[in-house]
Amino acid sequence: MLTIKEVEHIAELARLELTEKEKEMFLGQLSAILDYVEKLNKVNTDGVEETSQVTGLINAIREDKEGEASKELINDILDNAPDKEEGLFRVKSVFE
Protein backbone atom coordinates (compact mmCIF):
# COMPACT_ATOMS: atom_id res chain seq x y z
CA MET A 1 0.00 0.00 0.00
CA LEU A 2 1.34 3.39 -0.99
CA THR A 3 1.42 6.38 1.31
CA ILE A 4 0.06 9.84 0.59
CA LYS A 5 3.67 11.07 0.56
CA GLU A 6 4.49 8.60 -2.25
CA VAL A 7 1.42 9.67 -4.23
CA GLU A 8 2.51 13.30 -3.84
CA HIS A 9 5.98 12.37 -5.06
CA ILE A 10 4.57 10.55 -8.11
CA ALA A 11 2.32 13.54 -8.85
CA GLU A 12 5.33 15.87 -8.59
CA LEU A 13 7.30 13.70 -11.03
CA ALA A 14 4.34 13.80 -13.43
CA ARG A 15 3.98 17.55 -12.81
CA LEU A 16 0.41 17.14 -11.64
CA GLU A 17 -1.29 19.31 -9.08
CA LEU A 18 -3.68 17.12 -7.10
CA THR A 19 -6.36 18.07 -4.62
CA GLU A 20 -6.56 16.17 -1.33
CA LYS A 21 -9.55 14.23 -2.70
CA GLU A 22 -7.57 13.25 -5.83
CA LYS A 23 -4.61 12.18 -3.70
CA GLU A 24 -6.89 9.83 -1.75
CA MET A 25 -8.43 8.49 -4.96
CA PHE A 26 -5.03 7.87 -6.59
CA LEU A 27 -3.71 6.32 -3.38
CA GLY A 28 -6.30 3.56 -3.74
CA GLN A 29 -6.00 3.20 -7.51
CA LEU A 30 -2.20 3.15 -7.67
CA SER A 31 -2.01 0.75 -4.73
CA ALA A 32 -4.45 -1.60 -6.51
CA ILE A 33 -2.32 -1.48 -9.67
CA LEU A 34 0.84 -2.24 -7.74
CA ASP A 35 -0.90 -5.11 -5.92
CA TYR A 36 -1.91 -6.59 -9.28
CA VAL A 37 1.63 -6.24 -10.64
CA GLU A 38 2.89 -8.04 -7.54
CA LYS A 39 0.51 -10.92 -8.30
CA LEU A 40 1.87 -11.05 -11.85
CA ASN A 41 5.42 -11.13 -10.52
CA LYS A 42 4.56 -14.33 -8.63
CA VAL A 43 3.49 -16.19 -11.79
CA ASN A 44 5.98 -18.89 -12.82
CA THR A 45 7.27 -17.95 -16.27
CA ASP A 46 10.14 -20.45 -16.45
CA GLY A 47 10.45 -21.74 -19.99
CA VAL A 48 8.19 -19.03 -21.42
CA GLU A 49 9.86 -17.19 -24.30
CA GLU A 50 9.79 -13.41 -24.34
CA THR A 51 7.28 -12.01 -26.80
CA SER A 52 7.49 -8.61 -28.40
CA GLN A 53 4.99 -9.26 -31.19
CA VAL A 54 2.32 -11.93 -31.43
CA THR A 55 0.67 -11.46 -34.83
CA GLY A 56 3.43 -13.05 -36.90
CA LEU A 57 3.41 -10.09 -39.28
CA ILE A 58 6.68 -8.99 -40.77
CA ASN A 59 7.45 -5.36 -41.57
CA ALA A 60 4.49 -4.13 -43.61
CA ILE A 61 5.94 -0.73 -44.46
CA ARG A 62 6.11 0.11 -48.14
CA GLU A 63 8.89 2.01 -49.80
CA ASP A 64 8.09 5.69 -50.34
CA LYS A 65 7.67 6.59 -53.98
CA GLU A 66 7.20 10.10 -55.25
CA GLY A 67 4.71 10.45 -58.05
CA GLU A 68 2.94 13.24 -59.86
CA ALA A 69 -0.05 13.14 -57.50
CA SER A 70 2.19 13.42 -54.46
CA LYS A 71 4.10 16.37 -55.97
CA GLU A 72 0.78 18.11 -56.49
CA LEU A 73 -0.29 17.37 -52.94
CA ILE A 74 3.04 18.59 -51.55
CA ASN A 75 2.70 21.84 -53.51
CA ASP A 76 -0.85 22.32 -52.21
CA ILE A 77 0.34 21.77 -48.65
CA LEU A 78 3.32 24.08 -49.07
CA ASP A 79 1.03 26.80 -50.45
CA ASN A 80 -0.50 26.93 -46.94
CA ALA A 81 2.85 27.09 -45.15
CA PRO A 82 3.58 30.38 -43.40
CA ASP A 83 7.24 30.12 -44.45
CA LYS A 84 8.89 27.84 -47.02
CA GLU A 85 12.21 27.53 -48.78
CA GLU A 86 13.23 25.33 -51.73
CA GLY A 87 10.10 23.20 -51.50
CA LEU A 88 10.42 22.62 -47.76
CA PHE A 89 8.76 24.01 -44.65
CA ARG A 90 10.93 26.61 -43.00
CA VAL A 91 10.74 26.55 -39.19
CA LYS A 92 12.45 28.37 -36.37
CA SER A 93 15.74 26.92 -35.24
CA VAL A 94 15.54 24.63 -32.23
CA PHE A 95 19.25 24.65 -31.44
CA GLU A 96 21.58 27.59 -31.35
PDB file of N, CA and C in Angstrom:
ATOM      1  N   MET A   1       0.851  -1.189   0.000  1.00  0.00           N
ATOM      2  CA  MET A   1       0.000   0.000   0.000  1.00  0.00           C
ATOM      3  C   MET A   1       0.889   1.243   0.000  1.00  0.00           C
ATOM      4  N   LEU A   2       0.607   2.128  -0.920  1.00  0.00           N
ATOM      5  CA  LEU A   2       1.341   3.389  -0.993  1.00  0.00           C
ATOM      6  C   LEU A   2       0.932   4.317   0.143  1.00  0.00           C
ATOM      7  N   THR A   3       1.751   5.329   0.349  1.00  0.00           N
ATOM      8  CA  THR A   3       1.418   6.379   1.308  1.00  0.00           C
ATOM      9  C   THR A   3       1.042   7.639   0.540  1.00  0.00           C
ATOM     10  N   ILE A   4       0.399   8.564   1.214  1.00  0.00           N
ATOM     11  CA  ILE A   4       0.059   9.843   0.593  1.00  0.00           C
ATOM     12  C   ILE A   4       1.333  10.542   0.126  1.00  0.00           C
ATOM     13  N   LYS A   5       2.385  10.442   0.911  1.00  0.00           N
ATOM     14  CA  LYS A   5       3.668  11.072   0.563  1.00  0.00           C
ATOM     15  C   LYS A   5       4.177  10.523  -0.779  1.00  0.00           C
ATOM     16  N   GLU A   6       4.044   9.202  -0.988  1.00  0.00           N
ATOM     17  CA  GLU A   6       4.491   8.596  -2.247  1.00  0.00           C
ATOM     18  C   GLU A   6       3.612   9.047  -3.418  1.00  0.00           C
ATOM     19  N   VAL A   7       2.319   9.173  -3.191  1.00  0.00           N
ATOM     20  CA  VAL A   7       1.418   9.670  -4.233  1.00  0.00           C
ATOM     21  C   VAL A   7       1.795  11.106  -4.586  1.00  0.00           C
ATOM     22  N   GLU A   8       2.092  11.907  -3.589  1.00  0.00           N
ATOM     23  CA  GLU A   8       2.505  13.296  -3.839  1.00  0.00           C
ATOM     24  C   GLU A   8       3.801  13.335  -4.644  1.00  0.00           C
ATOM     25  N   HIS A   9       4.717  12.430  -4.332  1.00  0.00           N
ATOM     26  CA  HIS A   9       5.982  12.366  -5.061  1.00  0.00           C
ATOM     27  C   HIS A   9       5.738  11.973  -6.521  1.00  0.00           C
ATOM     28  N   ILE A  10       4.903  10.979  -6.748  1.00  0.00           N
ATOM     29  CA  ILE A  10       4.566  10.551  -8.108  1.00  0.00           C
ATOM     30  C   ILE A  10       3.906  11.702  -8.866  1.00  0.00           C
ATOM     31  N   ALA A  11       2.995  12.402  -8.222  1.00  0.00           N
ATOM     32  CA  ALA A  11       2.323  13.542  -8.854  1.00  0.00           C
ATOM     33  C   ALA A  11       3.331  14.635  -9.207  1.00  0.00           C
ATOM     34  N   GLU A  12       4.296  14.860  -8.325  1.00  0.00           N
ATOM     35  CA  GLU A  12       5.328  15.865  -8.590  1.00  0.00           C
ATOM     36  C   GLU A  12       6.162  15.463  -9.805  1.00  0.00           C
ATOM     37  N   LEU A  13       6.530  14.180  -9.884  1.00  0.00           N
ATOM     38  CA  LEU A  13       7.303  13.698 -11.030  1.00  0.00           C
ATOM     39  C   LEU A  13       6.520  13.861 -12.334  1.00  0.00           C
ATOM     40  N   ALA A  14       5.207  13.675 -12.258  1.00  0.00           N
ATOM     41  CA  ALA A  14       4.343  13.805 -13.431  1.00  0.00           C
ATOM     42  C   ALA A  14       3.887  15.245 -13.639  1.00  0.00           C
ATOM     43  N   ARG A  15       4.341  16.127 -12.767  1.00  0.00           N
ATOM     44  CA  ARG A  15       3.980  17.553 -12.813  1.00  0.00           C
ATOM     45  C   ARG A  15       2.469  17.755 -12.773  1.00  0.00           C
ATOM     46  N   LEU A  16       1.848  17.029 -11.848  1.00  0.00           N
ATOM     47  CA  LEU A  16       0.407  17.140 -11.644  1.00  0.00           C
ATOM     48  C   LEU A  16       0.132  17.823 -10.317  1.00  0.00           C
ATOM     49  N   GLU A  17      -0.838  18.695 -10.324  1.00  0.00           N
ATOM     50  CA  GLU A  17      -1.286  19.309  -9.079  1.00  0.00           C
ATOM     51  C   GLU A  17      -2.565  18.588  -8.675  1.00  0.00           C
ATOM     52  N   LEU A  18      -2.538  17.912  -7.544  1.00  0.00           N
ATOM     53  CA  LEU A  18      -3.681  17.125  -7.099  1.00  0.00           C
ATOM     54  C   LEU A  18      -4.329  17.742  -5.870  1.00  0.00           C
ATOM     55  N   THR A  19      -5.647  17.648  -5.822  1.00  0.00           N
ATOM     56  CA  THR A  19      -6.364  18.066  -4.622  1.00  0.00           C
ATOM     57  C   THR A  19      -6.231  16.934  -3.599  1.00  0.00           C
ATOM     58  N   GLU A  20      -6.613  17.195  -2.372  1.00  0.00           N
ATOM     59  CA  GLU A  20      -6.560  16.169  -1.327  1.00  0.00           C
ATOM     60  C   GLU A  20      -7.461  14.989  -1.699  1.00  0.00           C
ATOM     61  N   LYS A  21      -8.622  15.294  -2.278  1.00  0.00           N
ATOM     62  CA  LYS A  21      -9.546  14.234  -2.697  1.00  0.00           C
ATOM     63  C   LYS A  21      -8.910  13.369  -3.784  1.00  0.00           C
ATOM     64  N   GLU A  22      -8.232  14.001  -4.755  1.00  0.00           N
ATOM     65  CA  GLU A  22      -7.569  13.253  -5.831  1.00  0.00           C
ATOM     66  C   GLU A  22      -6.421  12.405  -5.284  1.00  0.00           C
ATOM     67  N   LYS A  23      -5.700  12.947  -4.315  1.00  0.00           N
ATOM     68  CA  LYS A  23      -4.611  12.179  -3.700  1.00  0.00           C
ATOM     69  C   LYS A  23      -5.147  10.897  -3.075  1.00  0.00           C
ATOM     70  N   GLU A  24      -6.261  11.004  -2.374  1.00  0.00           N
ATOM     71  CA  GLU A  24      -6.890   9.829  -1.747  1.00  0.00           C
ATOM     72  C   GLU A  24      -7.344   8.831  -2.809  1.00  0.00           C
ATOM     73  N   MET A  25      -7.944   9.356  -3.894  1.00  0.00           N
ATOM     74  CA  MET A  25      -8.428   8.493  -4.957  1.00  0.00           C
ATOM     75  C   MET A  25      -7.254   7.745  -5.615  1.00  0.00           C
ATOM     76  N   PHE A  26      -6.187   8.484  -5.932  1.00  0.00           N
ATOM     77  CA  PHE A  26      -5.033   7.866  -6.586  1.00  0.00           C
ATOM     78  C   PHE A  26      -4.279   6.938  -5.641  1.00  0.00           C
ATOM     79  N   LEU A  27      -4.331   7.216  -4.362  1.00  0.00           N
ATOM     80  CA  LEU A  27      -3.714   6.319  -3.384  1.00  0.00           C
ATOM     81  C   LEU A  27      -4.314   4.928  -3.531  1.00  0.00           C
ATOM     82  N   GLY A  28      -5.617   4.842  -3.594  1.00  0.00           N
ATOM     83  CA  GLY A  28      -6.302   3.560  -3.742  1.00  0.00           C
ATOM     84  C   GLY A  28      -6.046   2.928  -5.106  1.00  0.00           C
ATOM     85  N   GLN A  29      -6.151   3.742  -6.164  1.00  0.00           N
ATOM     86  CA  GLN A  29      -5.995   3.205  -7.514  1.00  0.00           C
ATOM     87  C   GLN A  29      -4.567   2.724  -7.781  1.00  0.00           C
ATOM     88  N   LEU A  30      -3.592   3.539  -7.426  1.00  0.00           N
ATOM     89  CA  LEU A  30      -2.195   3.155  -7.668  1.00  0.00           C
ATOM     90  C   LEU A  30      -1.807   1.952  -6.811  1.00  0.00           C
ATOM     91  N   SER A  31      -2.297   1.903  -5.602  1.00  0.00           N
ATOM     92  CA  SER A  31      -2.013   0.751  -4.732  1.00  0.00           C
ATOM     93  C   SER A  31      -2.600  -0.521  -5.335  1.00  0.00           C
ATOM     94  N   ALA A  32      -3.809  -0.441  -5.884  1.00  0.00           N
ATOM     95  CA  ALA A  32      -4.452  -1.604  -6.506  1.00  0.00           C
ATOM     96  C   ALA A  32      -3.644  -2.071  -7.722  1.00  0.00           C
ATOM     97  N   ILE A  33      -3.140  -1.133  -8.505  1.00  0.00           N
ATOM     98  CA  ILE A  33      -2.324  -1.478  -9.674  1.00  0.00           C
ATOM     99  C   ILE A  33      -1.054  -2.184  -9.228  1.00  0.00           C
ATOM    100  N   LEU A  34      -0.397  -1.632  -8.228  1.00  0.00           N
ATOM    101  CA  LEU A  34       0.842  -2.243  -7.737  1.00  0.00           C
ATOM    102  C   LEU A  34       0.588  -3.616  -7.131  1.00  0.00           C
ATOM    103  N   ASP A  35      -0.544  -3.792  -6.460  1.00  0.00           N
ATOM    104  CA  ASP A  35      -0.899  -5.111  -5.917  1.00  0.00           C
ATOM    105  C   ASP A  35      -1.069  -6.120  -7.051  1.00  0.00           C
ATOM    106  N   TYR A  36      -1.706  -5.701  -8.134  1.00  0.00           N
ATOM    107  CA  TYR A  36      -1.909  -6.592  -9.277  1.00  0.00           C
ATOM    108  C   TYR A  36      -0.576  -6.951  -9.926  1.00  0.00           C
ATOM    109  N   VAL A  37       0.309  -5.979 -10.074  1.00  0.00           N
ATOM    110  CA  VAL A  37       1.632  -6.239 -10.644  1.00  0.00           C
ATOM    111  C   VAL A  37       2.388  -7.223  -9.762  1.00  0.00           C
ATOM    112  N   GLU A  38       2.237  -7.105  -8.465  1.00  0.00           N
ATOM    113  CA  GLU A  38       2.892  -8.039  -7.537  1.00  0.00           C
ATOM    114  C   GLU A  38       2.376  -9.457  -7.748  1.00  0.00           C
ATOM    115  N   LYS A  39       1.069  -9.595  -7.991  1.00  0.00           N
ATOM    116  CA  LYS A  39       0.507 -10.918  -8.300  1.00  0.00           C
ATOM    117  C   LYS A  39       1.133 -11.475  -9.573  1.00  0.00           C
ATOM    118  N   LEU A  40       1.264 -10.613 -10.588  1.00  0.00           N
ATOM    119  CA  LEU A  40       1.867 -11.047 -11.853  1.00  0.00           C
ATOM    120  C   LEU A  40       3.314 -11.471 -11.663  1.00  0.00           C
ATOM    121  N   ASN A  41       4.027 -10.788 -10.780  1.00  0.00           N
ATOM    122  CA  ASN A  41       5.425 -11.134 -10.519  1.00  0.00           C
ATOM    123  C   ASN A  41       5.566 -12.530  -9.905  1.00  0.00           C
ATOM    124  N   LYS A  42       4.511 -13.026  -9.270  1.00  0.00           N
ATOM    125  CA  LYS A  42       4.555 -14.333  -8.626  1.00  0.00           C
ATOM    126  C   LYS A  42       4.275 -15.481  -9.599  1.00  0.00           C
ATOM    127  N   VAL A  43       3.807 -15.160 -10.807  1.00  0.00           N
ATOM    128  CA  VAL A  43       3.489 -16.187 -11.795  1.00  0.00           C
ATOM    129  C   VAL A  43       4.783 -16.828 -12.288  1.00  0.00           C
ATOM    130  N   ASN A  44       4.802 -18.170 -12.353  1.00  0.00           N
ATOM    131  CA  ASN A  44       5.976 -18.888 -12.820  1.00  0.00           C
ATOM    132  C   ASN A  44       6.054 -18.777 -14.346  1.00  0.00           C
ATOM    133  N   THR A  45       7.090 -18.127 -14.823  1.00  0.00           N
ATOM    134  CA  THR A  45       7.266 -17.946 -16.266  1.00  0.00           C
ATOM    135  C   THR A  45       8.502 -18.694 -16.768  1.00  0.00           C
ATOM    136  N   ASP A  46       8.989 -19.643 -16.002  1.00  0.00           N
ATOM    137  CA  ASP A  46      10.139 -20.449 -16.446  1.00  0.00           C
ATOM    138  C   ASP A  46       9.789 -21.156 -17.746  1.00  0.00           C
ATOM    139  N   GLY A  47      10.665 -21.069 -18.714  1.00  0.00           N
ATOM    140  CA  GLY A  47      10.454 -21.738 -19.991  1.00  0.00           C
ATOM    141  C   GLY A  47       9.540 -20.993 -20.941  1.00  0.00           C
ATOM    142  N   VAL A  48       9.050 -19.828 -20.542  1.00  0.00           N
ATOM    143  CA  VAL A  48       8.192 -19.033 -21.425  1.00  0.00           C
ATOM    144  C   VAL A  48       9.076 -18.029 -22.156  1.00  0.00           C
ATOM    145  N   GLU A  49       9.038 -18.096 -23.500  1.00  0.00           N
ATOM    146  CA  GLU A  49       9.856 -17.192 -24.295  1.00  0.00           C
ATOM    147  C   GLU A  49       9.313 -15.771 -24.245  1.00  0.00           C
ATOM    148  N   GLU A  50      10.219 -14.809 -24.281  1.00  0.00           N
ATOM    149  CA  GLU A  50       9.790 -13.412 -24.343  1.00  0.00           C
ATOM    150  C   GLU A  50       9.066 -13.161 -25.659  1.00  0.00           C
ATOM    151  N   THR A  51       8.055 -12.315 -25.610  1.00  0.00           N
ATOM    152  CA  THR A  51       7.281 -12.011 -26.803  1.00  0.00           C
ATOM    153  C   THR A  51       7.206 -10.499 -26.976  1.00  0.00           C
ATOM    154  N   SER A  52       7.607 -10.044 -28.151  1.00  0.00           N
ATOM    155  CA  SER A  52       7.487  -8.613 -28.403  1.00  0.00           C
ATOM    156  C   SER A  52       6.404  -8.344 -29.438  1.00  0.00           C
ATOM    157  N   GLN A  53       5.977  -9.401 -30.131  1.00  0.00           N
ATOM    158  CA  GLN A  53       4.993  -9.256 -31.189  1.00  0.00           C
ATOM    159  C   GLN A  53       4.323 -10.609 -31.371  1.00  0.00           C
ATOM    160  N   VAL A  54       3.014 -10.653 -31.417  1.00  0.00           N
ATOM    161  CA  VAL A  54       2.322 -11.934 -31.435  1.00  0.00           C
ATOM    162  C   VAL A  54       1.533 -12.206 -32.711  1.00  0.00           C
ATOM    163  N   THR A  55       1.504 -11.274 -33.643  1.00  0.00           N
ATOM    164  CA  THR A  55       0.674 -11.457 -34.833  1.00  0.00           C
ATOM    165  C   THR A  55       1.366 -12.264 -35.920  1.00  0.00           C
ATOM    166  N   GLY A  56       2.696 -12.344 -35.864  1.00  0.00           N
ATOM    167  CA  GLY A  56       3.428 -13.050 -36.902  1.00  0.00           C
ATOM    168  C   GLY A  56       3.690 -12.198 -38.136  1.00  0.00           C
ATOM    169  N   LEU A  57       3.197 -10.973 -38.127  1.00  0.00           N
ATOM    170  CA  LEU A  57       3.414 -10.093 -39.280  1.00  0.00           C
ATOM    171  C   LEU A  57       4.863  -9.630 -39.340  1.00  0.00           C
ATOM    172  N   ILE A  58       5.342  -9.516 -40.542  1.00  0.00           N
ATOM    173  CA  ILE A  58       6.680  -8.988 -40.765  1.00  0.00           C
ATOM    174  C   ILE A  58       6.499  -7.579 -41.300  1.00  0.00           C
ATOM    175  N   ASN A  59       7.498  -6.757 -41.165  1.00  0.00           N
ATOM    176  CA  ASN A  59       7.448  -5.357 -41.572  1.00  0.00           C
ATOM    177  C   ASN A  59       6.525  -5.138 -42.777  1.00  0.00           C
ATOM    178  N   ALA A  60       5.478  -4.375 -42.558  1.00  0.00           N
ATOM    179  CA  ALA A  60       4.488  -4.127 -43.612  1.00  0.00           C
ATOM    180  C   ALA A  60       4.606  -2.712 -44.159  1.00  0.00           C
ATOM    181  N   ILE A  61       5.756  -2.100 -43.999  1.00  0.00           N
ATOM    182  CA  ILE A  61       5.944  -0.728 -44.459  1.00  0.00           C
ATOM    183  C   ILE A  61       6.374  -0.755 -45.924  1.00  0.00           C
ATOM    184  N   ARG A  62       5.745   0.054 -46.728  1.00  0.00           N
ATOM    185  CA  ARG A  62       6.109   0.113 -48.141  1.00  0.00           C
ATOM    186  C   ARG A  62       7.185   1.163 -48.353  1.00  0.00           C
ATOM    187  N   GLU A  63       7.869   1.031 -49.453  1.00  0.00           N
ATOM    188  CA  GLU A  63       8.887   2.010 -49.804  1.00  0.00           C
ATOM    189  C   GLU A  63       8.188   3.273 -50.292  1.00  0.00           C
ATOM    190  N   ASP A  64       8.659   4.425 -49.867  1.00  0.00           N
ATOM    191  CA  ASP A  64       8.092   5.688 -50.336  1.00  0.00           C
ATOM    192  C   ASP A  64       8.446   5.896 -51.791  1.00  0.00           C
ATOM    193  N   LYS A  65       7.447   6.291 -52.575  1.00  0.00           N
ATOM    194  CA  LYS A  65       7.667   6.591 -53.984  1.00  0.00           C
ATOM    195  C   LYS A  65       7.015   7.931 -54.276  1.00  0.00           C
ATOM    196  N   GLU A  66       7.750   8.790 -54.909  1.00  0.00           N
ATOM    197  CA  GLU A  66       7.203  10.101 -55.250  1.00  0.00           C
ATOM    198  C   GLU A  66       6.598  10.023 -56.637  1.00  0.00           C
ATOM    199  N   GLY A  67       5.384  10.443 -56.761  1.00  0.00           N
ATOM    200  CA  GLY A  67       4.708  10.454 -58.053  1.00  0.00           C
ATOM    201  C   GLY A  67       4.138  11.816 -58.334  1.00  0.00           C
ATOM    202  N   GLU A  68       3.520  11.945 -59.469  1.00  0.00           N
ATOM    203  CA  GLU A  68       2.941  13.238 -59.861  1.00  0.00           C
ATOM    204  C   GLU A  68       1.880  13.698 -58.869  1.00  0.00           C
ATOM    205  N   ALA A  69       1.018  12.762 -58.438  1.00  0.00           N
ATOM    206  CA  ALA A  69      -0.047  13.136 -57.504  1.00  0.00           C
ATOM    207  C   ALA A  69       0.546  13.636 -56.199  1.00  0.00           C
ATOM    208  N   SER A  70       1.620  12.995 -55.729  1.00  0.00           N
ATOM    209  CA  SER A  70       2.190  13.421 -54.459  1.00  0.00           C
ATOM    210  C   SER A  70       2.888  14.772 -54.598  1.00  0.00           C
ATOM    211  N   LYS A  71       3.486  15.044 -55.748  1.00  0.00           N
ATOM    212  CA  LYS A  71       4.099  16.368 -55.970  1.00  0.00           C
ATOM    213  C   LYS A  71       3.031  17.451 -55.906  1.00  0.00           C
ATOM    214  N   GLU A  72       1.883  17.158 -56.515  1.00  0.00           N
ATOM    215  CA  GLU A  72       0.779  18.105 -56.488  1.00  0.00           C
ATOM    216  C   GLU A  72       0.303  18.350 -55.058  1.00  0.00           C
ATOM    217  N   LEU A  73       0.163  17.281 -54.325  1.00  0.00           N
ATOM    218  CA  LEU A  73      -0.286  17.372 -52.940  1.00  0.00           C
ATOM    219  C   LEU A  73       0.715  18.163 -52.100  1.00  0.00           C
ATOM    220  N   ILE A  74       1.994  17.874 -52.294  1.00  0.00           N
ATOM    221  CA  ILE A  74       3.039  18.595 -51.554  1.00  0.00           C
ATOM    222  C   ILE A  74       2.979  20.083 -51.870  1.00  0.00           C
ATOM    223  N   ASN A  75       2.796  20.432 -53.129  1.00  0.00           N
ATOM    224  CA  ASN A  75       2.704  21.845 -53.506  1.00  0.00           C
ATOM    225  C   ASN A  75       1.488  22.503 -52.878  1.00  0.00           C
ATOM    226  N   ASP A  76       0.353  21.777 -52.851  1.00  0.00           N
ATOM    227  CA  ASP A  76      -0.850  22.322 -52.211  1.00  0.00           C
ATOM    228  C   ASP A  76      -0.607  22.575 -50.728  1.00  0.00           C
ATOM    229  N   ILE A  77       0.056  21.624 -50.083  1.00  0.00           N
ATOM    230  CA  ILE A  77       0.342  21.772 -48.651  1.00  0.00           C
ATOM    231  C   ILE A  77       1.296  22.935 -48.425  1.00  0.00           C
ATOM    232  N   LEU A  78       2.347  23.007 -49.230  1.00  0.00           N
ATOM    233  CA  LEU A  78       3.324  24.084 -49.069  1.00  0.00           C
ATOM    234  C   LEU A  78       2.718  25.456 -49.337  1.00  0.00           C
ATOM    235  N   ASP A  79       1.702  25.521 -50.186  1.00  0.00           N
ATOM    236  CA  ASP A  79       1.028  26.797 -50.446  1.00  0.00           C
ATOM    237  C   ASP A  79       0.417  27.360 -49.169  1.00  0.00           C
ATOM    238  N   ASN A  80       0.098  26.494 -48.207  1.00  0.00           N
ATOM    239  CA  ASN A  80      -0.496  26.934 -46.943  1.00  0.00           C
ATOM    240  C   ASN A  80       0.540  27.189 -45.854  1.00  0.00           C
ATOM    241  N   ALA A  81       1.796  26.927 -46.155  1.00  0.00           N
ATOM    242  CA  ALA A  81       2.854  27.093 -45.154  1.00  0.00           C
ATOM    243  C   ALA A  81       3.118  28.572 -44.921  1.00  0.00           C
ATOM    244  N   PRO A  82       3.282  28.974 -43.678  1.00  0.00           N
ATOM    245  CA  PRO A  82       3.581  30.381 -43.399  1.00  0.00           C
ATOM    246  C   PRO A  82       4.961  30.781 -43.911  1.00  0.00           C
ATOM    247  N   ASP A  83       5.892  29.831 -43.975  1.00  0.00           N
ATOM    248  CA  ASP A  83       7.242  30.124 -44.452  1.00  0.00           C
ATOM    249  C   ASP A  83       7.804  28.863 -45.101  1.00  0.00           C
ATOM    250  N   LYS A  84       8.333  28.999 -46.317  1.00  0.00           N
ATOM    251  CA  LYS A  84       8.894  27.843 -47.018  1.00  0.00           C
ATOM    252  C   LYS A  84      10.146  28.264 -47.766  1.00  0.00           C
ATOM    253  N   GLU A  85      10.967  27.266 -48.063  1.00  0.00           N
ATOM    254  CA  GLU A  85      12.213  27.531 -48.777  1.00  0.00           C
ATOM    255  C   GLU A  85      12.602  26.285 -49.571  1.00  0.00           C
ATOM    256  N   GLU A  86      12.804  26.425 -50.845  1.00  0.00           N
ATOM    257  CA  GLU A  86      13.228  25.334 -51.726  1.00  0.00           C
ATOM    258  C   GLU A  86      12.344  24.098 -51.593  1.00  0.00           C
ATOM    259  N   GLY A  87      11.030  24.314 -51.551  1.00  0.00           N
ATOM    260  CA  GLY A  87      10.104  23.199 -51.501  1.00  0.00           C
ATOM    261  C   GLY A  87       9.981  22.523 -50.146  1.00  0.00           C
ATOM    262  N   LEU A  88      10.476  23.178 -49.107  1.00  0.00           N
ATOM    263  CA  LEU A  88      10.416  22.617 -47.758  1.00  0.00           C
ATOM    264  C   LEU A  88       9.798  23.630 -46.801  1.00  0.00           C
ATOM    265  N   PHE A  89       9.237  23.117 -45.694  1.00  0.00           N
ATOM    266  CA  PHE A  89       8.755  24.008 -44.649  1.00  0.00           C
ATOM    267  C   PHE A  89       9.953  24.646 -43.976  1.00  0.00           C
ATOM    268  N   ARG A  90       9.874  25.929 -43.731  1.00  0.00           N
ATOM    269  CA  ARG A  90      10.934  26.613 -42.996  1.00  0.00           C
ATOM    270  C   ARG A  90      10.395  26.857 -41.593  1.00  0.00           C
ATOM    271  N   VAL A  91      11.144  26.403 -40.585  1.00  0.00           N
ATOM    272  CA  VAL A  91      10.736  26.555 -39.192  1.00  0.00           C
ATOM    273  C   VAL A  91      11.835  27.231 -38.396  1.00  0.00           C
ATOM    274  N   LYS A  92      11.469  27.732 -37.228  1.00  0.00           N
ATOM    275  CA  LYS A  92      12.447  28.369 -36.367  1.00  0.00           C
ATOM    276  C   LYS A  92      13.452  27.348 -35.899  1.00  0.00           C
ATOM    277  N   SER A  93      14.675  27.803 -35.707  1.00  0.00           N
ATOM    278  CA  SER A  93      15.745  26.920 -35.243  1.00  0.00           C
ATOM    279  C   SER A  93      15.457  26.452 -33.824  1.00  0.00           C
ATOM    280  N   VAL A  94      15.731  25.187 -33.559  1.00  0.00           N
ATOM    281  CA  VAL A  94      15.539  24.633 -32.229  1.00  0.00           C
ATOM    282  C   VAL A  94      16.834  24.759 -31.429  1.00  0.00           C
ATOM    283  N   PHE A  95      17.955  24.579 -32.098  1.00  0.00           N
ATOM    284  CA  PHE A  95      19.253  24.647 -31.442  1.00  0.00           C
ATOM    285  C   PHE A  95      19.972  25.904 -31.877  1.00  0.00           C
ATOM    286  N   GLU A  96      20.817  26.393 -31.026  1.00  0.00           N
ATOM    287  CA  GLU A  96      21.580  27.587 -31.352  1.00  0.00           C
ATOM    288  C   GLU A  96      22.901  27.216 -31.970  1.00  0.00           C
TER     289      GLU A  96
END
